[in-house]
Amino acid sequence: TNPDELGTLANQLTNDYGQLAQEAK
């Protein structure tokens, strides 16, 4: 629908994964 927004979502995914990795320890 709107590939231009993928960058923002990719950034969100990266931030969420970073938080998950910290919580996993």
mmCIF file of all heavy atoms, coordinates in Angstrom:
data_MODEL
# 
_entry.id   MODEL 
# 
loop_
_atom_site.group_PDB 
_atom_site.id 
_atom_site.type_symbol 
_atom_site.label_atom_id 
_atom_site.label_alt_id 
_atom_site.label_comp_id 
_atom_site.label_asym_id 
_atom_site.label_entity_id 
_atom_site.label_seq_id 
_atom_site.pdbx_PDB_ins_code 
_atom_site.Cartn_x 
_atom_site.Cartn_y 
_atom_site.Cartn_z 
_atom_site.occupancy 
_atom_site.B_iso_or_equiv 
_atom_site.pdbx_formal_charge 
_atom_site.auth_seq_id 
_atom_site.auth_comp_id 
_atom_site.auth_asym_id 
_atom_site.auth_atom_id 
_atom_site.pdbx_PDB_model_num 
ATOM 1   N N   . THR A 1 1  ? 0.798  -1.222  0.000  1.00 0.00 ? 1  THR A N   1 
ATOM 2   C CA  . THR A 1 1  ? 0.000  0.000   0.000  1.00 0.00 ? 1  THR A CA  1 
ATOM 3   C C   . THR A 1 1  ? 0.836  1.280   0.000  1.00 0.00 ? 1  THR A C   1 
ATOM 4   O O   . THR A 1 1  ? 0.480  2.237   -0.665 1.00 0.00 ? 1  THR A O   1 
ATOM 5   C CB  . THR A 1 1  ? -0.952 0.044   1.210  1.00 0.00 ? 1  THR A CB  1 
ATOM 6   O OG1 . THR A 1 1  ? -0.178 -0.004  2.410  1.00 0.00 ? 1  THR A OG1 1 
ATOM 7   C CG2 . THR A 1 1  ? -1.940 -1.108  1.170  1.00 0.00 ? 1  THR A CG2 1 
ATOM 8   N N   . ASN A 1 2  ? 1.929  1.291   0.782  1.00 0.00 ? 2  ASN A N   1 
ATOM 9   C CA  . ASN A 1 2  ? 2.714  2.513   0.900  1.00 0.00 ? 2  ASN A CA  1 
ATOM 10  C C   . ASN A 1 2  ? 4.166  2.184   1.287  1.00 0.00 ? 2  ASN A C   1 
ATOM 11  O O   . ASN A 1 2  ? 4.559  2.346   2.444  1.00 0.00 ? 2  ASN A O   1 
ATOM 12  C CB  . ASN A 1 2  ? 2.077  3.435   1.952  1.00 0.00 ? 2  ASN A CB  1 
ATOM 13  C CG  . ASN A 1 2  ? 2.638  4.829   1.887  1.00 0.00 ? 2  ASN A CG  1 
ATOM 14  O OD1 . ASN A 1 2  ? 3.580  5.099   1.157  1.00 0.00 ? 2  ASN A OD1 1 
ATOM 15  N ND2 . ASN A 1 2  ? 2.064  5.724   2.666  1.00 0.00 ? 2  ASN A ND2 1 
ATOM 16  N N   . PRO A 1 3  ? 4.975  1.743   0.320  1.00 0.00 ? 3  PRO A N   1 
ATOM 17  C CA  . PRO A 1 3  ? 6.360  1.345   0.614  1.00 0.00 ? 3  PRO A CA  1 
ATOM 18  C C   . PRO A 1 3  ? 7.226  2.451   1.212  1.00 0.00 ? 3  PRO A C   1 
ATOM 19  O O   . PRO A 1 3  ? 8.239  2.171   1.844  1.00 0.00 ? 3  PRO A O   1 
ATOM 20  C CB  . PRO A 1 3  ? 6.913  0.918   -0.744 1.00 0.00 ? 3  PRO A CB  1 
ATOM 21  C CG  . PRO A 1 3  ? 5.732  0.639   -1.592 1.00 0.00 ? 3  PRO A CG  1 
ATOM 22  C CD  . PRO A 1 3  ? 4.633  1.523   -1.073 1.00 0.00 ? 3  PRO A CD  1 
ATOM 23  N N   . ASP A 1 4  ? 6.826  3.716   1.057  1.00 0.00 ? 4  ASP A N   1 
ATOM 24  C CA  . ASP A 1 4  ? 7.598  4.825   1.623  1.00 0.00 ? 4  ASP A CA  1 
ATOM 25  C C   . ASP A 1 4  ? 7.671  4.754   3.150  1.00 0.00 ? 4  ASP A C   1 
ATOM 26  O O   . ASP A 1 4  ? 8.598  5.280   3.761  1.00 0.00 ? 4  ASP A O   1 
ATOM 27  C CB  . ASP A 1 4  ? 7.000  6.170   1.208  1.00 0.00 ? 4  ASP A CB  1 
ATOM 28  C CG  . ASP A 1 4  ? 7.158  6.442   -0.278 1.00 0.00 ? 4  ASP A CG  1 
ATOM 29  O OD1 . ASP A 1 4  ? 8.030  5.803   -0.897 1.00 0.00 ? 4  ASP A OD1 1 
ATOM 30  O OD2 . ASP A 1 4  ? 6.407  7.277   -0.807 1.00 0.00 ? 4  ASP A OD2 1 
ATOM 31  N N   . GLU A 1 5  ? 6.677  4.124   3.771  1.00 0.00 ? 5  GLU A N   1 
ATOM 32  C CA  . GLU A 1 5  ? 6.634  4.041   5.234  1.00 0.00 ? 5  GLU A CA  1 
ATOM 33  C C   . GLU A 1 5  ? 7.458  2.890   5.787  1.00 0.00 ? 5  GLU A C   1 
ATOM 34  O O   . GLU A 1 5  ? 7.554  2.719   7.011  1.00 0.00 ? 5  GLU A O   1 
ATOM 35  C CB  . GLU A 1 5  ? 5.184  3.934   5.706  1.00 0.00 ? 5  GLU A CB  1 
ATOM 36  C CG  . GLU A 1 5  ? 4.381  5.190   5.437  1.00 0.00 ? 5  GLU A CG  1 
ATOM 37  C CD  . GLU A 1 5  ? 2.951  5.094   5.957  1.00 0.00 ? 5  GLU A CD  1 
ATOM 38  O OE1 . GLU A 1 5  ? 2.707  4.325   6.903  1.00 0.00 ? 5  GLU A OE1 1 
ATOM 39  O OE2 . GLU A 1 5  ? 2.084  5.791   5.406  1.00 0.00 ? 5  GLU A OE2 1 
ATOM 40  N N   . LEU A 1 6  ? 8.046  2.078   4.927  1.00 0.00 ? 6  LEU A N   1 
ATOM 41  C CA  . LEU A 1 6  ? 8.814  0.926   5.388  1.00 0.00 ? 6  LEU A CA  1 
ATOM 42  C C   . LEU A 1 6  ? 10.038 1.328   6.207  1.00 0.00 ? 6  LEU A C   1 
ATOM 43  O O   . LEU A 1 6  ? 10.432 0.621   7.135  1.00 0.00 ? 6  LEU A O   1 
ATOM 44  C CB  . LEU A 1 6  ? 9.235  0.042   4.211  1.00 0.00 ? 6  LEU A CB  1 
ATOM 45  C CG  . LEU A 1 6  ? 8.116  -0.779  3.575  1.00 0.00 ? 6  LEU A CG  1 
ATOM 46  C CD1 . LEU A 1 6  ? 8.622  -1.492  2.335  1.00 0.00 ? 6  LEU A CD1 1 
ATOM 47  C CD2 . LEU A 1 6  ? 7.549  -1.773  4.573  1.00 0.00 ? 6  LEU A CD2 1 
ATOM 48  N N   . GLY A 1 7  ? 10.647 2.463   5.894  1.00 0.00 ? 7  GLY A N   1 
ATOM 49  C CA  . GLY A 1 7  ? 11.812 2.923   6.643  1.00 0.00 ? 7  GLY A CA  1 
ATOM 50  C C   . GLY A 1 7  ? 11.480 3.177   8.106  1.00 0.00 ? 7  GLY A C   1 
ATOM 51  O O   . GLY A 1 7  ? 12.223 2.760   9.004  1.00 0.00 ? 7  GLY A O   1 
ATOM 52  N N   . THR A 1 8  ? 10.349 3.827   8.340  1.00 0.00 ? 8  THR A N   1 
ATOM 53  C CA  . THR A 1 8  ? 9.911  4.102   9.706  1.00 0.00 ? 8  THR A CA  1 
ATOM 54  C C   . THR A 1 8  ? 9.626  2.805   10.453 1.00 0.00 ? 8  THR A C   1 
ATOM 55  O O   . THR A 1 8  ? 10.017 2.638   11.603 1.00 0.00 ? 8  THR A O   1 
ATOM 56  C CB  . THR A 1 8  ? 8.642  4.986   9.683  1.00 0.00 ? 8  THR A CB  1 
ATOM 57  O OG1 . THR A 1 8  ? 8.918  6.176   8.956  1.00 0.00 ? 8  THR A OG1 1 
ATOM 58  C CG2 . THR A 1 8  ? 8.188  5.336   11.090 1.00 0.00 ? 8  THR A CG2 1 
ATOM 59  N N   . LEU A 1 9  ? 8.961  1.880   9.758  1.00 0.00 ? 9  LEU A N   1 
ATOM 60  C CA  . LEU A 1 9  ? 8.642  0.597   10.387 1.00 0.00 ? 9  LEU A CA  1 
ATOM 61  C C   . LEU A 1 9  ? 9.905  -0.227  10.643 1.00 0.00 ? 9  LEU A C   1 
ATOM 62  O O   . LEU A 1 9  ? 10.015 -0.907  11.665 1.00 0.00 ? 9  LEU A O   1 
ATOM 63  C CB  . LEU A 1 9  ? 7.650  -0.190  9.521  1.00 0.00 ? 9  LEU A CB  1 
ATOM 64  C CG  . LEU A 1 9  ? 6.247  0.417   9.451  1.00 0.00 ? 9  LEU A CG  1 
ATOM 65  C CD1 . LEU A 1 9  ? 5.405  -0.291  8.402  1.00 0.00 ? 9  LEU A CD1 1 
ATOM 66  C CD2 . LEU A 1 9  ? 5.572  0.356   10.808 1.00 0.00 ? 9  LEU A CD2 1 
ATOM 67  N N   . ALA A 1 10 ? 10.869 -0.152  9.709  1.00 0.00 ? 10 ALA A N   1 
ATOM 68  C CA  . ALA A 1 10 ? 12.138 -0.863  9.903  1.00 0.00 ? 10 ALA A CA  1 
ATOM 69  C C   . ALA A 1 10 ? 12.872 -0.302  11.116 1.00 0.00 ? 10 ALA A C   1 
ATOM 70  O O   . ALA A 1 10 ? 13.462 -1.054  11.906 1.00 0.00 ? 10 ALA A O   1 
ATOM 71  C CB  . ALA A 1 10 ? 12.997 -0.760  8.649  1.00 0.00 ? 10 ALA A CB  1 
ATOM 72  N N   . ASN A 1 11 ? 12.815 0.996   11.295 1.00 0.00 ? 11 ASN A N   1 
ATOM 73  C CA  . ASN A 1 11 ? 13.424 1.628   12.465 1.00 0.00 ? 11 ASN A CA  1 
ATOM 74  C C   . ASN A 1 11 ? 12.735 1.165   13.745 1.00 0.00 ? 11 ASN A C   1 
ATOM 75  O O   . ASN A 1 11 ? 13.394 0.864   14.751 1.00 0.00 ? 11 ASN A O   1 
ATOM 76  C CB  . ASN A 1 11 ? 13.356 3.150   12.325 1.00 0.00 ? 11 ASN A CB  1 
ATOM 77  C CG  . ASN A 1 11 ? 14.168 3.860   13.376 1.00 0.00 ? 11 ASN A CG  1 
ATOM 78  O OD1 . ASN A 1 11 ? 15.235 3.404   13.767 1.00 0.00 ? 11 ASN A OD1 1 
ATOM 79  N ND2 . ASN A 1 11 ? 13.645 4.979   13.841 1.00 0.00 ? 11 ASN A ND2 1 
ATOM 80  N N   . GLN A 1 12 ? 11.411 1.095   13.701 1.00 0.00 ? 12 GLN A N   1 
ATOM 81  C CA  . GLN A 1 12 ? 10.641 0.614   14.859 1.00 0.00 ? 12 GLN A CA  1 
ATOM 82  C C   . GLN A 1 12 ? 11.008 -0.835  15.180 1.00 0.00 ? 12 GLN A C   1 
ATOM 83  O O   . GLN A 1 12 ? 11.204 -1.196  16.337 1.00 0.00 ? 12 GLN A O   1 
ATOM 84  C CB  . GLN A 1 12 ? 9.134  0.738   14.592 1.00 0.00 ? 12 GLN A CB  1 
ATOM 85  C CG  . GLN A 1 12 ? 8.264  0.259   15.728 1.00 0.00 ? 12 GLN A CG  1 
ATOM 86  C CD  . GLN A 1 12 ? 8.414  1.099   16.970 1.00 0.00 ? 12 GLN A CD  1 
ATOM 87  O OE1 . GLN A 1 12 ? 8.462  2.322   16.898 1.00 0.00 ? 12 GLN A OE1 1 
ATOM 88  N NE2 . GLN A 1 12 ? 8.510  0.470   18.120 1.00 0.00 ? 12 GLN A NE2 1 
ATOM 89  N N   . LEU A 1 13 ? 11.119 -1.651  14.146 1.00 0.00 ? 13 LEU A N   1 
ATOM 90  C CA  . LEU A 1 13 ? 11.492 -3.053  14.319 1.00 0.00 ? 13 LEU A CA  1 
ATOM 91  C C   . LEU A 1 13 ? 12.872 -3.169  14.961 1.00 0.00 ? 13 LEU A C   1 
ATOM 92  O O   . LEU A 1 13 ? 13.078 -3.949  15.893 1.00 0.00 ? 13 LEU A O   1 
ATOM 93  C CB  . LEU A 1 13 ? 11.472 -3.778  12.966 1.00 0.00 ? 13 LEU A CB  1 
ATOM 94  C CG  . LEU A 1 13 ? 11.872 -5.252  12.972 1.00 0.00 ? 13 LEU A CG  1 
ATOM 95  C CD1 . LEU A 1 13 ? 10.874 -6.080  13.756 1.00 0.00 ? 13 LEU A CD1 1 
ATOM 96  C CD2 . LEU A 1 13 ? 11.976 -5.762  11.540 1.00 0.00 ? 13 LEU A CD2 1 
ATOM 97  N N   . THR A 1 14 ? 13.801 -2.356  14.495 1.00 0.00 ? 14 THR A N   1 
ATOM 98  C CA  . THR A 1 14 ? 15.158 -2.362  15.039 1.00 0.00 ? 14 THR A CA  1 
ATOM 99  C C   . THR A 1 14 ? 15.161 -1.961  16.515 1.00 0.00 ? 14 THR A C   1 
ATOM 100 O O   . THR A 1 14 ? 15.819 -2.606  17.342 1.00 0.00 ? 14 THR A O   1 
ATOM 101 C CB  . THR A 1 14 ? 16.051 -1.404  14.227 1.00 0.00 ? 14 THR A CB  1 
ATOM 102 O OG1 . THR A 1 14 ? 16.022 -1.803  12.857 1.00 0.00 ? 14 THR A OG1 1 
ATOM 103 C CG2 . THR A 1 14 ? 17.481 -1.427  14.716 1.00 0.00 ? 14 THR A CG2 1 
ATOM 104 N N   . ASN A 1 15 ? 14.418 -0.923  16.851 1.00 0.00 ? 15 ASN A N   1 
ATOM 105 C CA  . ASN A 1 15 ? 14.336 -0.483  18.248 1.00 0.00 ? 15 ASN A CA  1 
ATOM 106 C C   . ASN A 1 15 ? 13.700 -1.549  19.137 1.00 0.00 ? 15 ASN A C   1 
ATOM 107 O O   . ASN A 1 15 ? 14.186 -1.819  20.241 1.00 0.00 ? 15 ASN A O   1 
ATOM 108 C CB  . ASN A 1 15 ? 13.544 0.829   18.362 1.00 0.00 ? 15 ASN A CB  1 
ATOM 109 C CG  . ASN A 1 15 ? 14.280 2.002   17.764 1.00 0.00 ? 15 ASN A CG  1 
ATOM 110 O OD1 . ASN A 1 15 ? 15.500 1.995   17.653 1.00 0.00 ? 15 ASN A OD1 1 
ATOM 111 N ND2 . ASN A 1 15 ? 13.538 3.011   17.351 1.00 0.00 ? 15 ASN A ND2 1 
ATOM 112 N N   . ASP A 1 16 ? 12.604 -2.150  18.653 1.00 0.00 ? 16 ASP A N   1 
ATOM 113 C CA  . ASP A 1 16 ? 11.929 -3.193  19.431 1.00 0.00 ? 16 ASP A CA  1 
ATOM 114 C C   . ASP A 1 16 ? 12.843 -4.397  19.634 1.00 0.00 ? 16 ASP A C   1 
ATOM 115 O O   . ASP A 1 16 ? 12.894 -4.971  20.723 1.00 0.00 ? 16 ASP A O   1 
ATOM 116 C CB  . ASP A 1 16 ? 10.634 -3.634  18.752 1.00 0.00 ? 16 ASP A CB  1 
ATOM 117 C CG  . ASP A 1 16 ? 9.522  -2.601  18.879 1.00 0.00 ? 16 ASP A CG  1 
ATOM 118 O OD1 . ASP A 1 16 ? 9.634  -1.691  19.726 1.00 0.00 ? 16 ASP A OD1 1 
ATOM 119 O OD2 . ASP A 1 16 ? 8.539  -2.699  18.118 1.00 0.00 ? 16 ASP A OD2 1 
ATOM 120 N N   . TYR A 1 17 ? 13.573 -4.781  18.591 1.00 0.00 ? 17 TYR A N   1 
ATOM 121 C CA  . TYR A 1 17 ? 14.481 -5.915  18.740 1.00 0.00 ? 17 TYR A CA  1 
ATOM 122 C C   . TYR A 1 17 ? 15.596 -5.586  19.742 1.00 0.00 ? 17 TYR A C   1 
ATOM 123 O O   . TYR A 1 17 ? 15.969 -6.427  20.561 1.00 0.00 ? 17 TYR A O   1 
ATOM 124 C CB  . TYR A 1 17 ? 15.092 -6.363  17.408 1.00 0.00 ? 17 TYR A CB  1 
ATOM 125 C CG  . TYR A 1 17 ? 16.081 -7.472  17.654 1.00 0.00 ? 17 TYR A CG  1 
ATOM 126 C CD1 . TYR A 1 17 ? 15.637 -8.761  17.926 1.00 0.00 ? 17 TYR A CD1 1 
ATOM 127 C CD2 . TYR A 1 17 ? 17.450 -7.220  17.702 1.00 0.00 ? 17 TYR A CD2 1 
ATOM 128 C CE1 . TYR A 1 17 ? 16.533 -9.766  18.232 1.00 0.00 ? 17 TYR A CE1 1 
ATOM 129 C CE2 . TYR A 1 17 ? 18.352 -8.223  18.009 1.00 0.00 ? 17 TYR A CE2 1 
ATOM 130 C CZ  . TYR A 1 17 ? 17.886 -9.495  18.266 1.00 0.00 ? 17 TYR A CZ  1 
ATOM 131 O OH  . TYR A 1 17 ? 18.765 -10.492 18.585 1.00 0.00 ? 17 TYR A OH  1 
ATOM 132 N N   . GLY A 1 18 ? 16.119 -4.375  19.688 1.00 0.00 ? 18 GLY A N   1 
ATOM 133 C CA  . GLY A 1 18 ? 17.146 -3.958  20.643 1.00 0.00 ? 18 GLY A CA  1 
ATOM 134 C C   . GLY A 1 18 ? 16.656 -4.072  22.078 1.00 0.00 ? 18 GLY A C   1 
ATOM 135 O O   . GLY A 1 18 ? 17.376 -4.559  22.962 1.00 0.00 ? 18 GLY A O   1 
ATOM 136 N N   . GLN A 1 19 ? 15.425 -3.649  22.289 1.00 0.00 ? 19 GLN A N   1 
ATOM 137 C CA  . GLN A 1 19 ? 14.834 -3.742  23.627 1.00 0.00 ? 19 GLN A CA  1 
ATOM 138 C C   . GLN A 1 19 ? 14.658 -5.209  24.020 1.00 0.00 ? 19 GLN A C   1 
ATOM 139 O O   . GLN A 1 19 ? 14.954 -5.600  25.148 1.00 0.00 ? 19 GLN A O   1 
ATOM 140 C CB  . GLN A 1 19 ? 13.487 -3.017  23.658 1.00 0.00 ? 19 GLN A CB  1 
ATOM 141 C CG  . GLN A 1 19 ? 12.849 -3.016  25.031 1.00 0.00 ? 19 GLN A CG  1 
ATOM 142 C CD  . GLN A 1 19 ? 11.549 -2.251  25.073 1.00 0.00 ? 19 GLN A CD  1 
ATOM 143 O OE1 . GLN A 1 19 ? 11.217 -1.495  24.172 1.00 0.00 ? 19 GLN A OE1 1 
ATOM 144 N NE2 . GLN A 1 19 ? 10.792 -2.453  26.128 1.00 0.00 ? 19 GLN A NE2 1 
ATOM 145 N N   . LEU A 1 20 ? 14.187 -6.038  23.080 1.00 0.00 ? 20 LEU A N   1 
ATOM 146 C CA  . LEU A 1 20 ? 14.001 -7.461  23.353 1.00 0.00 ? 20 LEU A CA  1 
ATOM 147 C C   . LEU A 1 20 ? 15.332 -8.122  23.717 1.00 0.00 ? 20 LEU A C   1 
ATOM 148 O O   . LEU A 1 20 ? 15.403 -8.920  24.658 1.00 0.00 ? 20 LEU A O   1 
ATOM 149 C CB  . LEU A 1 20 ? 13.380 -8.162  22.142 1.00 0.00 ? 20 LEU A CB  1 
ATOM 150 C CG  . LEU A 1 20 ? 13.130 -9.656  22.320 1.00 0.00 ? 20 LEU A CG  1 
ATOM 151 C CD1 . LEU A 1 20 ? 11.849 -9.876  23.103 1.00 0.00 ? 20 LEU A CD1 1 
ATOM 152 C CD2 . LEU A 1 20 ? 13.048 -10.355 20.988 1.00 0.00 ? 20 LEU A CD2 1 
ATOM 153 N N   . ALA A 1 21 ? 16.376 -7.776  22.996 1.00 0.00 ? 21 ALA A N   1 
ATOM 154 C CA  . ALA A 1 21 ? 17.695 -8.350  23.268 1.00 0.00 ? 21 ALA A CA  1 
ATOM 155 C C   . ALA A 1 21 ? 18.162 -7.971  24.674 1.00 0.00 ? 21 ALA A C   1 
ATOM 156 O O   . ALA A 1 21 ? 18.738 -8.805  25.391 1.00 0.00 ? 21 ALA A O   1 
ATOM 157 C CB  . ALA A 1 21 ? 18.695 -7.887  22.215 1.00 0.00 ? 21 ALA A CB  1 
ATOM 158 N N   . GLN A 1 22 ? 17.905 -6.726  25.087 1.00 0.00 ? 22 GLN A N   1 
ATOM 159 C CA  . GLN A 1 22 ? 18.273 -6.304  26.441 1.00 0.00 ? 22 GLN A CA  1 
ATOM 160 C C   . GLN A 1 22 ? 17.466 -7.056  27.497 1.00 0.00 ? 22 GLN A C   1 
ATOM 161 O O   . GLN A 1 22 ? 17.986 -7.436  28.543 1.00 0.00 ? 22 GLN A O   1 
ATOM 162 C CB  . GLN A 1 22 ? 18.066 -4.790  26.607 1.00 0.00 ? 22 GLN A CB  1 
ATOM 163 C CG  . GLN A 1 22 ? 19.047 -3.952  25.844 1.00 0.00 ? 22 GLN A CG  1 
ATOM 164 C CD  . GLN A 1 22 ? 20.488 -4.189  26.286 1.00 0.00 ? 22 GLN A CD  1 
ATOM 165 O OE1 . GLN A 1 22 ? 20.779 -4.275  27.472 1.00 0.00 ? 22 GLN A OE1 1 
ATOM 166 N NE2 . GLN A 1 22 ? 21.380 -4.317  25.331 1.00 0.00 ? 22 GLN A NE2 1 
ATOM 167 N N   . GLU A 1 23 ? 16.184 -7.266  27.206 1.00 0.00 ? 23 GLU A N   1 
ATOM 168 C CA  . GLU A 1 23 ? 15.319 -7.968  28.152 1.00 0.00 ? 23 GLU A CA  1 
ATOM 169 C C   . GLU A 1 23 ? 15.636 -9.461  28.216 1.00 0.00 ? 23 GLU A C   1 
ATOM 170 O O   . GLU A 1 23 ? 15.359 -10.120 29.221 1.00 0.00 ? 23 GLU A O   1 
ATOM 171 C CB  . GLU A 1 23 ? 13.849 -7.770  27.767 1.00 0.00 ? 23 GLU A CB  1 
ATOM 172 C CG  . GLU A 1 23 ? 13.375 -6.345  27.903 1.00 0.00 ? 23 GLU A CG  1 
ATOM 173 C CD  . GLU A 1 23 ? 12.003 -6.109  27.286 1.00 0.00 ? 23 GLU A CD  1 
ATOM 174 O OE1 . GLU A 1 23 ? 11.441 -7.045  26.668 1.00 0.00 ? 23 GLU A OE1 1 
ATOM 175 O OE2 . GLU A 1 23 ? 11.484 -4.988  27.404 1.00 0.00 ? 23 GLU A OE2 1 
ATOM 176 N N   . ALA A 1 24 ? 16.217 -9.992  27.145 1.00 0.00 ? 24 ALA A N   1 
ATOM 177 C CA  . ALA A 1 24 ? 16.505 -11.429 27.083 1.00 0.00 ? 24 ALA A CA  1 
ATOM 178 C C   . ALA A 1 24 ? 17.640 -11.826 28.013 1.00 0.00 ? 24 ALA A C   1 
ATOM 179 O O   . ALA A 1 24 ? 17.673 -12.951 28.516 1.00 0.00 ? 24 ALA A O   1 
ATOM 180 C CB  . ALA A 1 24 ? 16.838 -11.838 25.646 1.00 0.00 ? 24 ALA A CB  1 
ATOM 181 N N   . LYS A 1 25 ? 18.560 -10.908 28.242 1.00 0.00 ? 25 LYS A N   1 
ATOM 182 C CA  . LYS A 1 25 ? 19.716 -11.232 29.099 1.00 0.00 ? 25 LYS A CA  1 
ATOM 183 C C   . LYS A 1 25 ? 19.277 -11.682 30.488 1.00 0.00 ? 25 LYS A C   1 
ATOM 184 O O   . LYS A 1 25 ? 19.646 -12.769 30.925 1.00 0.00 ? 25 LYS A O   1 
ATOM 185 C CB  . LYS A 1 25 ? 20.670 -10.043 29.164 1.00 0.00 ? 25 LYS A CB  1 
ATOM 186 C CG  . LYS A 1 25 ? 21.401 -9.791  27.866 1.00 0.00 ? 25 LYS A CG  1 
ATOM 187 C CD  . LYS A 1 25 ? 22.253 -8.534  27.947 1.00 0.00 ? 25 LYS A CD  1 
ATOM 188 C CE  . LYS A 1 25 ? 22.850 -8.210  26.579 1.00 0.00 ? 25 LYS A CE  1 
ATOM 189 N NZ  . LYS A 1 25 ? 23.598 -6.945  26.596 1.00 0.00 ? 25 LYS A NZ  1 
# 
